[in-house]
Amino acid sequence: MNLSNKQKQHLKGLAHPLKPVVMVGASGLTEGVIAEVEHALEHHELIKVKISTEDRETKQLIADAIARETGANNVQVIGSVLVLYRASKDKKISLPR
């Protein structure tokens, strides 16, 4: 599912007060991290993930890999924080058209 700019703006506003629920540490992207992201997305739909690396390219590769592996939408990356959205069965967040 591709998000429109209007939908991304809406999700960015909802994500602003959130704290990161998953941290990608020195071990990098592991199966455990992917499982935690999956669990958090199923429960919250919209989450923040903190990626602890200084290298910009590595950070982007990790963000892309997380989105690809979980089937989530990459809403935005600001600094070391990635915002992800994936609709759950309950559809807790209603997106504008």
PDB file of N, CA and C in Angstrom:
ATOM      1  N   MET A   1       0.845  -1.188   0.000  1.00  0.00           N
ATOM      2  CA  MET A   1       0.000   0.000   0.000  1.00  0.00           C
ATOM      3  C   MET A   1       0.884   1.242   0.000  1.00  0.00           C
ATOM      4  N   ASN A   2       0.699   2.088  -0.989  1.00  0.00           N
ATOM      5  CA  ASN A   2       1.434   3.345  -1.027  1.00  0.00           C
ATOM      6  C   ASN A   2       0.615   4.425  -0.352  1.00  0.00           C
ATOM      7  N   LEU A   3       1.286   5.253   0.423  1.00  0.00           N
ATOM      8  CA  LEU A   3       0.616   6.332   1.124  1.00  0.00           C
ATOM      9  C   LEU A   3       0.723   7.616   0.319  1.00  0.00           C
ATOM     10  N   SER A   4      -0.364   8.387   0.303  1.00  0.00           N
ATOM     11  CA  SER A   4      -0.322   9.694  -0.348  1.00  0.00           C
ATOM     12  C   SER A   4       0.385  10.676   0.593  1.00  0.00           C
ATOM     13  N   ASN A   5       0.744  11.833   0.057  1.00  0.00           N
ATOM     14  CA  ASN A   5       1.397  12.848   0.889  1.00  0.00           C
ATOM     15  C   ASN A   5       0.492  13.292   2.029  1.00  0.00           C
ATOM     16  N   LYS A   6      -0.807  13.396   1.752  1.00  0.00           N
ATOM     17  CA  LYS A   6      -1.767  13.797   2.784  1.00  0.00           C
ATOM     18  C   LYS A   6      -1.799  12.765   3.916  1.00  0.00           C
ATOM     19  N   GLN A   7      -1.788  11.489   3.544  1.00  0.00           N
ATOM     20  CA  GLN A   7      -1.797  10.427   4.544  1.00  0.00           C
ATOM     21  C   GLN A   7      -0.499  10.428   5.350  1.00  0.00           C
ATOM     22  N   LYS A   8       0.637  10.630   4.680  1.00  0.00           N
ATOM     23  CA  LYS A   8       1.923  10.689   5.388  1.00  0.00           C
ATOM     24  C   LYS A   8       1.947  11.848   6.369  1.00  0.00           C
ATOM     25  N   GLN A   9       1.442  12.999   5.961  1.00  0.00           N
ATOM     26  CA  GLN A   9       1.403  14.159   6.858  1.00  0.00           C
ATOM     27  C   GLN A   9       0.555  13.855   8.087  1.00  0.00           C
ATOM     28  N   HIS A  10      -0.579  13.192   7.874  1.00  0.00           N
ATOM     29  CA  HIS A  10      -1.462  12.820   8.978  1.00  0.00           C
ATOM     30  C   HIS A  10      -0.734  11.886   9.951  1.00  0.00           C
ATOM     31  N   LEU A  11      -0.037  10.885   9.402  1.00  0.00           N
ATOM     32  CA  LEU A  11       0.685   9.928  10.246  1.00  0.00           C
ATOM     33  C   LEU A  11       1.852  10.588  10.972  1.00  0.00           C
ATOM     34  N   LYS A  12       2.532  11.512  10.331  1.00  0.00           N
ATOM     35  CA  LYS A  12       3.632  12.236  10.981  1.00  0.00           C
ATOM     36  C   LYS A  12       3.116  13.006  12.192  1.00  0.00           C
ATOM     37  N   GLY A  13       1.950  13.617  12.043  1.00  0.00           N
ATOM     38  CA  GLY A  13       1.348  14.340  13.158  1.00  0.00           C
ATOM     39  C   GLY A  13       0.992  13.412  14.310  1.00  0.00           C
ATOM     40  N   LEU A  14       0.467  12.241  13.984  1.00  0.00           N
ATOM     41  CA  LEU A  14       0.129  11.265  15.028  1.00  0.00           C
ATOM     42  C   LEU A  14       1.381  10.692  15.690  1.00  0.00           C
ATOM     43  N   ALA A  15       2.472  10.571  14.924  1.00  0.00           N
ATOM     44  CA  ALA A  15       3.699   9.960  15.438  1.00  0.00           C
ATOM     45  C   ALA A  15       4.524  10.916  16.286  1.00  0.00           C
ATOM     46  N   HIS A  16       4.306  12.206  16.120  1.00  0.00           N
ATOM     47  CA  HIS A  16       5.154  13.188  16.805  1.00  0.00           C
ATOM     48  C   HIS A  16       5.315  12.948  18.312  1.00  0.00           C
ATOM     49  N   PRO A  17       4.241  12.735  19.067  1.00  0.00           N
ATOM     50  CA  PRO A  17       4.422  12.550  20.518  1.00  0.00           C
ATOM     51  C   PRO A  17       4.898  11.152  20.935  1.00  0.00           C
ATOM     52  N   LEU A  18       4.976  10.218  20.001  1.00  0.00           N
ATOM     53  CA  LEU A  18       5.352   8.845  20.340  1.00  0.00           C
ATOM     54  C   LEU A  18       6.834   8.727  20.686  1.00  0.00           C
ATOM     55  N   LYS A  19       7.138   7.764  21.517  1.00  0.00           N
ATOM     56  CA  LYS A  19       8.522   7.417  21.841  1.00  0.00           C
ATOM     57  C   LYS A  19       8.884   6.146  21.064  1.00  0.00           C
ATOM     58  N   PRO A  20      10.167   5.970  20.734  1.00  0.00           N
ATOM     59  CA  PRO A  20      10.573   4.735  20.039  1.00  0.00           C
ATOM     60  C   PRO A  20      10.258   3.503  20.885  1.00  0.00           C
ATOM     61  N   VAL A  21       9.665   2.488  20.265  1.00  0.00           N
ATOM     62  CA  VAL A  21       9.320   1.260  20.982  1.00  0.00           C
ATOM     63  C   VAL A  21      10.295   0.125  20.681  1.00  0.00           C
ATOM     64  N   VAL A  22      11.084   0.268  19.616  1.00  0.00           N
ATOM     65  CA  VAL A  22      12.078  -0.737  19.254  1.00  0.00           C
ATOM     66  C   VAL A  22      13.393  -0.016  18.993  1.00  0.00           C
ATOM     67  N   MET A  23      14.487  -0.605  19.484  1.00  0.00           N
ATOM     68  CA  MET A  23      15.823  -0.038  19.282  1.00  0.00           C
ATOM     69  C   MET A  23      16.676  -1.025  18.488  1.00  0.00           C
ATOM     70  N   VAL A  24      17.335  -0.529  17.444  1.00  0.00           N
ATOM     71  CA  VAL A  24      18.296  -1.331  16.691  1.00  0.00           C
ATOM     72  C   VAL A  24      19.665  -0.925  17.218  1.00  0.00           C
ATOM     73  N   GLY A  25      20.330  -1.841  17.922  1.00  0.00           N
ATOM     74  CA  GLY A  25      21.594  -1.531  18.584  1.00  0.00           C
ATOM     75  C   GLY A  25      22.803  -1.932  17.780  1.00  0.00           C
ATOM     76  N   ALA A  26      23.887  -2.178  18.486  1.00  0.00           N
ATOM     77  CA  ALA A  26      25.170  -2.510  17.869  1.00  0.00           C
ATOM     78  C   ALA A  26      25.129  -3.832  17.109  1.00  0.00           C
ATOM     79  N   SER A  27      24.234  -4.723  17.486  1.00  0.00           N
ATOM     80  CA  SER A  27      24.122  -6.007  16.795  1.00  0.00           C
ATOM     81  C   SER A  27      23.513  -5.863  15.413  1.00  0.00           C
ATOM     82  N   GLY A  28      22.923  -4.713  15.146  1.00  0.00           N
ATOM     83  CA  GLY A  28      22.315  -4.481  13.849  1.00  0.00           C
ATOM     84  C   GLY A  28      20.928  -5.086  13.750  1.00  0.00           C
ATOM     85  N   LEU A  29      20.523  -5.349  12.537  1.00  0.00           N
ATOM     86  CA  LEU A  29      19.192  -5.874  12.275  1.00  0.00           C
ATOM     87  C   LEU A  29      19.203  -7.392  12.424  1.00  0.00           C
ATOM     88  N   THR A  30      18.560  -7.879  13.472  1.00  0.00           N
ATOM     89  CA  THR A  30      18.509  -9.314  13.739  1.00  0.00           C
ATOM     90  C   THR A  30      17.072  -9.809  13.594  1.00  0.00           C
ATOM     91  N   GLU A  31      16.900 -11.114  13.637  1.00  0.00           N
ATOM     92  CA  GLU A  31      15.556 -11.694  13.578  1.00  0.00           C
ATOM     93  C   GLU A  31      14.717 -11.248  14.774  1.00  0.00           C
ATOM     94  N   GLY A  32      15.376 -11.086  15.920  1.00  0.00           N
ATOM     95  CA  GLY A  32      14.680 -10.633  17.122  1.00  0.00           C
ATOM     96  C   GLY A  32      14.134  -9.224  16.966  1.00  0.00           C
ATOM     97  N   VAL A  33      14.909  -8.366  16.326  1.00  0.00           N
ATOM     98  CA  VAL A  33      14.466  -6.986  16.094  1.00  0.00           C
ATOM     99  C   VAL A  33      13.265  -6.988  15.151  1.00  0.00           C
ATOM    100  N   ILE A  34      13.344  -7.774  14.083  1.00  0.00           N
ATOM    101  CA  ILE A  34      12.227  -7.869  13.132  1.00  0.00           C
ATOM    102  C   ILE A  34      10.978  -8.382  13.834  1.00  0.00           C
ATOM    103  N   ALA A  35      11.144  -9.390  14.707  1.00  0.00           N
ATOM    104  CA  ALA A  35       9.999  -9.943  15.440  1.00  0.00           C
ATOM    105  C   ALA A  35       9.376  -8.890  16.358  1.00  0.00           C
ATOM    106  N   GLU A  36      10.208  -8.088  17.012  1.00  0.00           N
ATOM    107  CA  GLU A  36       9.703  -7.028  17.890  1.00  0.00           C
ATOM    108  C   GLU A  36       8.952  -5.963  17.095  1.00  0.00           C
ATOM    109  N   VAL A  37       9.494  -5.604  15.933  1.00  0.00           N
ATOM    110  CA  VAL A  37       8.827  -4.621  15.075  1.00  0.00           C
ATOM    111  C   VAL A  37       7.477  -5.163  14.617  1.00  0.00           C
ATOM    112  N   GLU A  38       7.447  -6.439  14.217  1.00  0.00           N
ATOM    113  CA  GLU A  38       6.191  -7.087  13.808  1.00  0.00           C
ATOM    114  C   GLU A  38       5.149  -7.013  14.931  1.00  0.00           C
ATOM    115  N   HIS A  39       5.587  -7.379  16.128  1.00  0.00           N
ATOM    116  CA  HIS A  39       4.685  -7.374  17.291  1.00  0.00           C
ATOM    117  C   HIS A  39       4.173  -5.965  17.576  1.00  0.00           C
ATOM    118  N   ALA A  40       5.070  -4.992  17.563  1.00  0.00           N
ATOM    119  CA  ALA A  40       4.690  -3.606  17.856  1.00  0.00           C
ATOM    120  C   ALA A  40       3.733  -3.063  16.793  1.00  0.00           C
ATOM    121  N   LEU A  41       3.981  -3.385  15.520  1.00  0.00           N
ATOM    122  CA  LEU A  41       3.094  -2.921  14.451  1.00  0.00           C
ATOM    123  C   LEU A  41       1.709  -3.545  14.577  1.00  0.00           C
ATOM    124  N   GLU A  42       1.655  -4.802  14.933  1.00  0.00           N
ATOM    125  CA  GLU A  42       0.372  -5.483  15.092  1.00  0.00           C
ATOM    126  C   GLU A  42      -0.433  -4.856  16.228  1.00  0.00           C
ATOM    127  N   HIS A  43       0.268  -4.424  17.253  1.00  0.00           N
ATOM    128  CA  HIS A  43      -0.403  -3.871  18.422  1.00  0.00           C
ATOM    129  C   HIS A  43      -0.737  -2.394  18.259  1.00  0.00           C
ATOM    130  N   HIS A  44       0.182  -1.603  17.660  1.00  0.00           N
ATOM    131  CA  HIS A  44       0.025  -0.145  17.615  1.00  0.00           C
ATOM    132  C   HIS A  44      -0.292   0.439  16.239  1.00  0.00           C
ATOM    133  N   GLU A  45       0.062  -0.219  15.173  1.00  0.00           N
ATOM    134  CA  GLU A  45      -0.061   0.245  13.782  1.00  0.00           C
ATOM    135  C   GLU A  45       0.963   1.310  13.405  1.00  0.00           C
ATOM    136  N   LEU A  46       1.227   2.261  14.278  1.00  0.00           N
ATOM    137  CA  LEU A  46       2.171   3.341  14.010  1.00  0.00           C
ATOM    138  C   LEU A  46       3.232   3.331  15.104  1.00  0.00           C
ATOM    139  N   ILE A  47       4.492   3.133  14.713  1.00  0.00           N
ATOM    140  CA  ILE A  47       5.561   3.043  15.718  1.00  0.00           C
ATOM    141  C   ILE A  47       6.788   3.836  15.279  1.00  0.00           C
ATOM    142  N   LYS A  48       7.639   4.079  16.257  1.00  0.00           N
ATOM    143  CA  LYS A  48       8.953   4.658  15.991  1.00  0.00           C
ATOM    144  C   LYS A  48      10.010   3.617  16.335  1.00  0.00           C
ATOM    145  N   VAL A  49      11.051   3.562  15.497  1.00  0.00           N
ATOM    146  CA  VAL A  49      12.170   2.660  15.708  1.00  0.00           C
ATOM    147  C   VAL A  49      13.439   3.506  15.750  1.00  0.00           C
ATOM    148  N   LYS A  50      14.238   3.349  16.797  1.00  0.00           N
ATOM    149  CA  LYS A  50      15.498   4.088  16.904  1.00  0.00           C
ATOM    150  C   LYS A  50      16.624   3.224  16.355  1.00  0.00           C
ATOM    151  N   ILE A  51      17.378   3.778  15.402  1.00  0.00           N
ATOM    152  CA  ILE A  51      18.483   3.065  14.774  1.00  0.00           C
ATOM    153  C   ILE A  51      19.780   3.705  15.255  1.00  0.00           C
ATOM    154  N   SER A  52      20.562   2.951  16.015  1.00  0.00           N
ATOM    155  CA  SER A  52      21.798   3.476  16.612  1.00  0.00           C
ATOM    156  C   SER A  52      22.989   3.245  15.706  1.00  0.00           C
ATOM    157  N   THR A  53      23.132   4.087  14.710  1.00  0.00           N
ATOM    158  CA  THR A  53      24.310   4.067  13.858  1.00  0.00           C
ATOM    159  C   THR A  53      24.512   5.470  13.309  1.00  0.00           C
ATOM    160  N   GLU A  54      25.754   5.848  13.133  1.00  0.00           N
ATOM    161  CA  GLU A  54      26.056   7.187  12.637  1.00  0.00           C
ATOM    162  C   GLU A  54      26.076   7.231  11.112  1.00  0.00           C
ATOM    163  N   ASP A  55      26.323   6.097  10.480  1.00  0.00           N
ATOM    164  CA  ASP A  55      26.457   6.044   9.031  1.00  0.00           C
ATOM    165  C   ASP A  55      25.091   6.190   8.363  1.00  0.00           C
ATOM    166  N   ARG A  56      24.961   7.212   7.544  1.00  0.00           N
ATOM    167  CA  ARG A  56      23.697   7.522   6.892  1.00  0.00           C
ATOM    168  C   ARG A  56      23.221   6.403   5.963  1.00  0.00           C
ATOM    169  N   GLU A  57      24.126   5.878   5.174  1.00  0.00           N
ATOM    170  CA  GLU A  57      23.768   4.823   4.228  1.00  0.00           C
ATOM    171  C   GLU A  57      23.308   3.560   4.950  1.00  0.00           C
ATOM    172  N   THR A  58      24.026   3.194   6.012  1.00  0.00           N
ATOM    173  CA  THR A  58      23.659   2.011   6.793  1.00  0.00           C
ATOM    174  C   THR A  58      22.284   2.208   7.419  1.00  0.00           C
ATOM    175  N   LYS A  59      22.030   3.402   7.927  1.00  0.00           N
ATOM    176  CA  LYS A  59      20.744   3.716   8.539  1.00  0.00           C
ATOM    177  C   LYS A  59      19.608   3.555   7.524  1.00  0.00           C
ATOM    178  N   GLN A  60      19.831   4.047   6.309  1.00  0.00           N
ATOM    179  CA  GLN A  60      18.807   3.943   5.273  1.00  0.00           C
ATOM    180  C   GLN A  60      18.596   2.490   4.843  1.00  0.00           C
ATOM    181  N   LEU A  61      19.691   1.727   4.757  1.00  0.00           N
ATOM    182  CA  LEU A  61      19.578   0.312   4.409  1.00  0.00           C
ATOM    183  C   LEU A  61      18.784  -0.459   5.463  1.00  0.00           C
ATOM    184  N   ILE A  62      19.040  -0.166   6.735  1.00  0.00           N
ATOM    185  CA  ILE A  62      18.306  -0.815   7.826  1.00  0.00           C
ATOM    186  C   ILE A  62      16.826  -0.437   7.765  1.00  0.00           C
ATOM    187  N   ALA A  63      16.539   0.845   7.551  1.00  0.00           N
ATOM    188  CA  ALA A  63      15.149   1.311   7.465  1.00  0.00           C
ATOM    189  C   ALA A  63      14.420   0.621   6.315  1.00  0.00           C
ATOM    190  N   ASP A  64      15.064   0.530   5.158  1.00  0.00           N
ATOM    191  CA  ASP A  64      14.451  -0.129   4.007  1.00  0.00           C
ATOM    192  C   ASP A  64      14.229  -1.618   4.268  1.00  0.00           C
ATOM    193  N   ALA A  65      15.204  -2.255   4.924  1.00  0.00           N
ATOM    194  CA  ALA A  65      15.089  -3.686   5.221  1.00  0.00           C
ATOM    195  C   ALA A  65      13.947  -3.956   6.203  1.00  0.00           C
ATOM    196  N   ILE A  66      13.816  -3.118   7.218  1.00  0.00           N
ATOM    197  CA  ILE A  66      12.728  -3.292   8.192  1.00  0.00           C
ATOM    198  C   ILE A  66      11.376  -3.151   7.491  1.00  0.00           C
ATOM    199  N   ALA A  67      11.233  -2.123   6.666  1.00  0.00           N
ATOM    200  CA  ALA A  67       9.964  -1.909   5.957  1.00  0.00           C
ATOM    201  C   ALA A  67       9.658  -3.083   5.030  1.00  0.00           C
ATOM    202  N   ARG A  68      10.667  -3.558   4.322  1.00  0.00           N
ATOM    203  CA  ARG A  68      10.477  -4.668   3.384  1.00  0.00           C
ATOM    204  C   ARG A  68      10.105  -5.954   4.125  1.00  0.00           C
ATOM    205  N   GLU A  69      10.828  -6.278   5.192  1.00  0.00           N
ATOM    206  CA  GLU A  69      10.606  -7.528   5.928  1.00  0.00           C
ATOM    207  C   GLU A  69       9.261  -7.557   6.653  1.00  0.00           C
ATOM    208  N   THR A  70       8.789  -6.404   7.107  1.00  0.00           N
ATOM    209  CA  THR A  70       7.545  -6.360   7.875  1.00  0.00           C
ATOM    210  C   THR A  70       6.331  -5.999   7.021  1.00  0.00           C
ATOM    211  N   GLY A  71       6.566  -5.542   5.808  1.00  0.00           N
ATOM    212  CA  GLY A  71       5.460  -5.119   4.957  1.00  0.00           C
ATOM    213  C   GLY A  71       4.859  -3.794   5.400  1.00  0.00           C
ATOM    214  N   ALA A  72       5.632  -3.005   6.138  1.00  0.00           N
ATOM    215  CA  ALA A  72       5.154  -1.722   6.648  1.00  0.00           C
ATOM    216  C   ALA A  72       5.550  -0.591   5.701  1.00  0.00           C
ATOM    217  N   ASN A  73       4.888   0.534   5.877  1.00  0.00           N
ATOM    218  CA  ASN A  73       5.217   1.735   5.114  1.00  0.00           C
ATOM    219  C   ASN A  73       6.195   2.587   5.901  1.00  0.00           C
ATOM    220  N   ASN A  74       7.258   2.998   5.235  1.00  0.00           N
ATOM    221  CA  ASN A  74       8.229   3.913   5.822  1.00  0.00           C
ATOM    222  C   ASN A  74       7.637   5.311   5.706  1.00  0.00           C
ATOM    223  N   VAL A  75       7.147   5.861   6.820  1.00  0.00           N
ATOM    224  CA  VAL A  75       6.519   7.178   6.802  1.00  0.00           C
ATOM    225  C   VAL A  75       7.579   8.260   6.728  1.00  0.00           C
ATOM    226  N   GLN A  76       8.617   8.153   7.566  1.00  0.00           N
ATOM    227  CA  GLN A  76       9.708   9.108   7.530  1.00  0.00           C
ATOM    228  C   GLN A  76      10.888   8.626   8.359  1.00  0.00           C
ATOM    229  N   VAL A  77      12.059   9.172   8.041  1.00  0.00           N
ATOM    230  CA  VAL A  77      13.262   8.955   8.835  1.00  0.00           C
ATOM    231  C   VAL A  77      13.791  10.337   9.193  1.00  0.00           C
ATOM    232  N   ILE A  78      13.877  10.608  10.482  1.00  0.00           N
ATOM    233  CA  ILE A  78      14.437  11.869  10.953  1.00  0.00           C
ATOM    234  C   ILE A  78      15.556  11.531  11.918  1.00  0.00           C
ATOM    235  N   GLY A  79      16.767  11.930  11.565  1.00  0.00           N
ATOM    236  CA  GLY A  79      17.915  11.604  12.403  1.00  0.00           C
ATOM    237  C   GLY A  79      18.054  10.103  12.514  1.00  0.00           C
ATOM    238  N   SER A  80      17.975   9.595  13.725  1.00  0.00           N
ATOM    239  CA  SER A  80      18.122   8.152  13.932  1.00  0.00           C
ATOM    240  C   SER A  80      16.786   7.469  14.212  1.00  0.00           C
ATOM    241  N   VAL A  81      15.685   8.170  13.945  1.00  0.00           N
ATOM    242  CA  VAL A  81      14.360   7.623  14.248  1.00  0.00           C
ATOM    243  C   VAL A  81      13.581   7.365  12.959  1.00  0.00           C
ATOM    244  N   LEU A  82      13.076   6.144  12.864  1.00  0.00           N
ATOM    245  CA  LEU A  82      12.276   5.701  11.729  1.00  0.00           C
ATOM    246  C   LEU A  82      10.820   5.596  12.182  1.00  0.00           C
ATOM    247  N   VAL A  83       9.904   6.125  11.384  1.00  0.00           N
ATOM    248  CA  VAL A  83       8.470   6.015  11.674  1.00  0.00           C
ATOM    249  C   VAL A  83       7.864   5.030  10.677  1.00  0.00           C
ATOM    250  N   LEU A  84       7.210   3.998  11.199  1.00  0.00           N
ATOM    251  CA  LEU A  84       6.603   2.955  10.374  1.00  0.00           C
ATOM    252  C   LEU A  84       5.101   2.883  10.609  1.00  0.00           C
ATOM    253  N   TYR A  85       4.370   2.564   9.540  1.00  0.00           N
ATOM    254  CA  TYR A  85       2.923   2.364   9.647  1.00  0.00           C
ATOM    255  C   TYR A  85       2.538   1.094   8.895  1.00  0.00           C
ATOM    256  N   ARG A  86       1.695   0.297   9.536  1.00  0.00           N
ATOM    257  CA  ARG A  86       1.093  -0.856   8.878  1.00  0.00           C
ATOM    258  C   ARG A  86      -0.282  -1.073   9.498  1.00  0.00           C
ATOM    259  N   ALA A  87      -1.295  -1.057   8.668  1.00  0.00           N
ATOM    260  CA  ALA A  87      -2.662  -1.238   9.162  1.00  0.00           C
ATOM    261  C   ALA A  87      -2.827  -2.643   9.737  1.00  0.00           C
ATOM    262  N   SER A  88      -3.495  -2.732  10.873  1.00  0.00           N
ATOM    263  CA  SER A  88      -3.773  -4.030  11.474  1.00  0.00           C
ATOM    264  C   SER A  88      -5.192  -4.453  11.102  1.00  0.00           C
ATOM    265  N   LYS A  89      -5.586  -5.607  11.559  1.00  0.00           N
ATOM    266  CA  LYS A  89      -6.933  -6.102  11.274  1.00  0.00           C
ATOM    267  C   LYS A  89      -8.003  -5.203  11.891  1.00  0.00           C
ATOM    268  N   ASP A  90      -7.670  -4.579  13.023  1.00  0.00           N
ATOM    269  CA  ASP A  90      -8.626  -3.732  13.737  1.00  0.00           C
ATOM    270  C   ASP A  90      -8.760  -2.343  13.150  1.00  0.00           C
ATOM    271  N   LYS A  91      -7.806  -1.929  12.313  1.00  0.00           N
ATOM    272  CA  LYS A  91      -7.816  -0.582  11.698  1.00  0.00           C
ATOM    273  C   LYS A  91      -8.027   0.498  12.759  1.00  0.00           C
ATOM    274  N   LYS A  92      -7.088   0.626  13.685  1.00  0.00           N
ATOM    275  CA  LYS A  92      -7.179   1.598  14.765  1.00  0.00           C
ATOM    276  C   LYS A  92      -7.030   3.032  14.276  1.00  0.00           C
ATOM    277  N   ILE A  93      -6.227   3.222  13.226  1.00  0.00           N
ATOM    278  CA  ILE A  93      -5.972   4.563  12.692  1.00  0.00           C
ATOM    279  C   ILE A  93      -6.728   4.698  11.367  1.00  0.00           C
ATOM    280  N   SER A  94      -7.541   5.746  11.264  1.00  0.00           N
ATOM    281  CA  SER A  94      -8.229   5.981   9.991  1.00  0.00           C
ATOM    282  C   SER A  94      -7.454   7.043   9.221  1.00  0.00           C
ATOM    283  N   LEU A  95      -7.128   6.717   7.990  1.00  0.00           N
ATOM    284  CA  LEU A  95      -6.331   7.599   7.157  1.00  0.00           C
ATOM    285  C   LEU A  95      -7.232   8.487   6.300  1.00  0.00           C
ATOM    286  N   PRO A  96      -6.820   9.747   6.065  1.00  0.00           N
ATOM    287  CA  PRO A  96      -7.583  10.600   5.149  1.00  0.00           C
ATOM    288  C   PRO A  96      -7.443  10.079   3.717  1.00  0.00           C
ATOM    289  N   ARG A  97      -8.348  10.407   2.878  1.00  0.00           N
ATOM    290  CA  ARG A  97      -8.302   9.966   1.478  1.00  0.00           C
ATOM    291  C   ARG A  97      -7.364  10.786   0.641  1.00  0.00           C
TER     292      ARG A  97
END
